[in-house]
Amino acid sequence: MNLKPTCKSQYLAVHGEARQLLEQGYTKKSVFDYFVSQKKITMSYKAWVKIVDNYDQNSPFSRKKKTSTARKTIGQISSPQKGKFSHSNDPYPIEDATDSIVAEKEHEKPFNLIKKGE
């Protein structure tokens, strides 16, 4: 069974060499390209940058929670009194509903089909 190494374990395998290259002034991108060409890592560049910046954390890909005291939502107005919605399951009254539809159809004008070329 062949297990694929995680991004963090790939980075930790080259950590010492990566730190030396970065301290010498090489960019993260050039160091990443170097290790990919050497087939020492297979992760994406985006993952590489996150791990280089956060390699000392247990989970470098976890999102940091924003500390916000008040949550505001767009388009909502805060009002002291909110309206209440109520719904009735009673059907609409049937009185004269079918009669009005039939009467409307009787008063419609008939239409004529026109053939092409006429």
C-alpha atoms as a PDB file:
ATOM      1  CA  MET A   1       0.000   0.000   0.000  1.00  0.00           C
ATOM      2  CA  ASN A   2       1.488   3.317  -1.112  1.00  0.00           C
ATOM      3  CA  LEU A   3       0.439   6.316   0.976  1.00  0.00           C
ATOM      4  CA  LYS A   4       0.627   9.805  -0.460  1.00  0.00           C
ATOM      5  CA  PRO A   5       2.503  12.147   1.894  1.00  0.00           C
ATOM      6  CA  THR A   6       0.674  15.176   3.194  1.00  0.00           C
ATOM      7  CA  CYS A   7       1.700  18.681   2.238  1.00  0.00           C
ATOM      8  CA  LYS A   8       3.041  19.374   5.700  1.00  0.00           C
ATOM      9  CA  SER A   9       5.098  16.184   5.798  1.00  0.00           C
ATOM     10  CA  GLN A  10       6.523  17.018   2.351  1.00  0.00           C
ATOM     11  CA  TYR A  11       7.511  20.457   3.629  1.00  0.00           C
ATOM     12  CA  LEU A  12       9.023  19.150   6.853  1.00  0.00           C
ATOM     13  CA  ALA A  13      11.222  16.822   4.780  1.00  0.00           C
ATOM     14  CA  VAL A  14      12.800  19.850   3.036  1.00  0.00           C
ATOM     15  CA  HIS A  15      12.351  22.412   5.811  1.00  0.00           C
ATOM     16  CA  GLY A  16      16.046  22.934   6.612  1.00  0.00           C
ATOM     17  CA  GLU A  17      17.051  23.382   2.992  1.00  0.00           C
ATOM     18  CA  ALA A  18      14.027  25.601   2.298  1.00  0.00           C
ATOM     19  CA  ARG A  19      14.839  27.895   5.248  1.00  0.00           C
ATOM     20  CA  GLN A  20      18.442  28.235   4.065  1.00  0.00           C
ATOM     21  CA  LEU A  21      17.371  29.156   0.538  1.00  0.00           C
ATOM     22  CA  LEU A  22      14.777  31.656   1.771  1.00  0.00           C
ATOM     23  CA  GLU A  23      17.328  33.255   4.141  1.00  0.00           C
ATOM     24  CA  GLN A  24      19.752  33.600   1.200  1.00  0.00           C
ATOM     25  CA  GLY A  25      17.140  35.786  -0.519  1.00  0.00           C
ATOM     26  CA  TYR A  26      15.450  33.358  -2.903  1.00  0.00           C
ATOM     27  CA  THR A  27      11.725  33.881  -3.382  1.00  0.00           C
ATOM     28  CA  LYS A  28       9.129  31.376  -2.193  1.00  0.00           C
ATOM     29  CA  LYS A  29       8.218  30.729  -5.827  1.00  0.00           C
ATOM     30  CA  SER A  30      11.785  29.960  -6.923  1.00  0.00           C
ATOM     31  CA  VAL A  31      12.337  27.657  -3.932  1.00  0.00           C
ATOM     32  CA  PHE A  32       9.020  25.921  -4.681  1.00  0.00           C
ATOM     33  CA  ASP A  33       9.964  25.467  -8.355  1.00  0.00           C
ATOM     34  CA  TYR A  34      13.351  24.077  -7.318  1.00  0.00           C
ATOM     35  CA  PHE A  35      11.826  21.405  -5.057  1.00  0.00           C
ATOM     36  CA  VAL A  36       9.193  20.475  -7.649  1.00  0.00           C
ATOM     37  CA  SER A  37      11.885  20.048 -10.318  1.00  0.00           C
ATOM     38  CA  GLN A  38      13.847  17.864  -7.857  1.00  0.00           C
ATOM     39  CA  LYS A  39      10.620  15.860  -7.294  1.00  0.00           C
ATOM     40  CA  LYS A  40      10.916  16.398  -3.553  1.00  0.00           C
ATOM     41  CA  ILE A  41       7.411  17.907  -3.265  1.00  0.00           C
ATOM     42  CA  THR A  42       4.166  17.461  -5.194  1.00  0.00           C
ATOM     43  CA  MET A  43       1.919  20.031  -3.511  1.00  0.00           C
ATOM     44  CA  SER A  44       0.439  23.132  -5.118  1.00  0.00           C
ATOM     45  CA  TYR A  45       2.137  26.509  -4.842  1.00  0.00           C
ATOM     46  CA  LYS A  46      -0.794  27.826  -2.794  1.00  0.00           C
ATOM     47  CA  ALA A  47      -0.306  25.020  -0.260  1.00  0.00           C
ATOM     48  CA  TRP A  48       3.453  25.663  -0.259  1.00  0.00           C
ATOM     49  CA  VAL A  49       2.996  29.335   0.651  1.00  0.00           C
ATOM     50  CA  LYS A  50       0.574  28.518   3.485  1.00  0.00           C
ATOM     51  CA  ILE A  51       2.914  25.939   4.952  1.00  0.00           C
ATOM     52  CA  VAL A  52       6.030  28.104   4.616  1.00  0.00           C
ATOM     53  CA  ASP A  53       4.226  30.877   6.493  1.00  0.00           C
ATOM     54  CA  ASN A  54       2.624  28.575   9.115  1.00  0.00           C
ATOM     55  CA  TYR A  55       4.834  25.460   9.302  1.00  0.00           C
ATOM     56  CA  ASP A  56       5.064  25.655  13.095  1.00  0.00           C
ATOM     57  CA  GLN A  57       1.295  25.264  13.589  1.00  0.00           C
ATOM     58  CA  ASN A  58      -0.390  21.894  14.077  1.00  0.00           C
ATOM     59  CA  SER A  59      -2.797  22.597  11.250  1.00  0.00           C
ATOM     60  CA  PRO A  60      -1.396  25.241   8.873  1.00  0.00           C
ATOM     61  CA  PHE A  61      -4.500  25.092   6.649  1.00  0.00           C
ATOM     62  CA  SER A  62      -7.038  25.835   9.384  1.00  0.00           C
ATOM     63  CA  ARG A  63      -8.776  29.159   9.103  1.00  0.00           C
ATOM     64  CA  LYS A  64      -8.355  31.639  11.881  1.00  0.00           C
ATOM     65  CA  LYS A  65     -11.616  32.746  13.413  1.00  0.00           C
ATOM     66  CA  LYS A  66     -12.412  36.388  13.040  1.00  0.00           C
ATOM     67  CA  THR A  67     -13.022  38.134  16.312  1.00  0.00           C
ATOM     68  CA  SER A  68     -16.031  40.307  15.768  1.00  0.00           C
ATOM     69  CA  THR A  69     -18.183  41.686  18.563  1.00  0.00           C
ATOM     70  CA  ALA A  70     -21.186  42.630  16.449  1.00  0.00           C
ATOM     71  CA  ARG A  71     -22.474  40.813  13.400  1.00  0.00           C
ATOM     72  CA  LYS A  72     -24.219  42.923  10.823  1.00  0.00           C
ATOM     73  CA  THR A  73     -26.023  41.498   7.857  1.00  0.00           C
ATOM     74  CA  ILE A  74     -26.492  43.392   4.662  1.00  0.00           C
ATOM     75  CA  GLY A  75     -30.027  44.500   3.859  1.00  0.00           C
ATOM     76  CA  GLN A  76     -31.547  43.886   7.259  1.00  0.00           C
ATOM     77  CA  ILE A  77     -32.920  46.734   9.301  1.00  0.00           C
ATOM     78  CA  SER A  78     -32.953  46.264  13.006  1.00  0.00           C
ATOM     79  CA  SER A  79     -36.230  47.337  14.496  1.00  0.00           C
ATOM     80  CA  PRO A  80     -37.525  46.982  18.019  1.00  0.00           C
ATOM     81  CA  GLN A  81     -40.771  45.349  16.848  1.00  0.00           C
ATOM     82  CA  LYS A  82     -40.767  42.633  14.231  1.00  0.00           C
ATOM     83  CA  GLY A  83     -43.884  41.730  12.294  1.00  0.00           C
ATOM     84  CA  LYS A  84     -45.471  38.357  12.767  1.00  0.00           C
ATOM     85  CA  PHE A  85     -46.448  36.159   9.881  1.00  0.00           C
ATOM     86  CA  SER A  86     -49.421  33.884  10.144  1.00  0.00           C
ATOM     87  CA  HIS A  87     -50.696  31.412   7.614  1.00  0.00           C
ATOM     88  CA  SER A  88     -54.095  29.839   7.346  1.00  0.00           C
ATOM     89  CA  ASN A  89     -54.521  26.392   5.800  1.00  0.00           C
ATOM     90  CA  ASP A  90     -58.163  27.105   4.950  1.00  0.00           C
ATOM     91  CA  PRO A  91     -58.801  27.005   1.186  1.00  0.00           C
ATOM     92  CA  TYR A  92     -60.234  29.982  -0.667  1.00  0.00           C
ATOM     93  CA  PRO A  93     -64.025  30.021  -0.930  1.00  0.00           C
ATOM     94  CA  ILE A  94     -65.314  28.280  -4.049  1.00  0.00           C
ATOM     95  CA  GLU A  95     -68.385  30.475  -4.578  1.00  0.00           C
ATOM     96  CA  ASP A  96     -68.722  31.517  -8.227  1.00  0.00           C
ATOM     97  CA  ALA A  97     -65.090  30.675  -9.022  1.00  0.00           C
ATOM     98  CA  THR A  98     -65.952  28.245 -11.828  1.00  0.00           C
ATOM     99  CA  ASP A  99     -68.789  30.409 -13.145  1.00  0.00           C
ATOM    100  CA  SER A 100     -66.512  33.413 -13.666  1.00  0.00           C
ATOM    101  CA  ILE A 101     -63.942  31.333 -15.600  1.00  0.00           C
ATOM    102  CA  VAL A 102     -66.631  29.876 -17.877  1.00  0.00           C
ATOM    103  CA  ALA A 103     -68.124  33.334 -18.459  1.00  0.00           C
ATOM    104  CA  GLU A 104     -64.744  34.760 -19.414  1.00  0.00           C
ATOM    105  CA  LYS A 105     -64.158  31.993 -21.971  1.00  0.00           C
ATOM    106  CA  GLU A 106     -67.604  32.503 -23.530  1.00  0.00           C
ATOM    107  CA  HIS A 107     -66.861  36.199 -24.159  1.00  0.00           C
ATOM    108  CA  GLU A 108     -63.478  35.576 -25.782  1.00  0.00           C
ATOM    109  CA  LYS A 109     -63.245  36.374 -29.462  1.00  0.00           C
ATOM    110  CA  PRO A 110     -62.408  33.420 -31.705  1.00  0.00           C
ATOM    111  CA  PHE A 111     -59.099  33.677 -33.492  1.00  0.00           C
ATOM    112  CA  ASN A 112     -58.376  32.923 -37.122  1.00  0.00           C
ATOM    113  CA  LEU A 113     -55.396  30.894 -38.238  1.00  0.00           C
ATOM    114  CA  ILE A 114     -53.535  32.520 -41.074  1.00  0.00           C
ATOM    115  CA  LYS A 115     -51.590  30.349 -43.465  1.00  0.00           C
ATOM    116  CA  LYS A 116     -48.206  31.413 -44.761  1.00  0.00           C
ATOM    117  CA  GLY A 117     -48.426  33.302 -48.036  1.00  0.00           C
ATOM    118  CA  GLU A 118     -51.877  34.797 -47.472  1.00  0.00           C
END
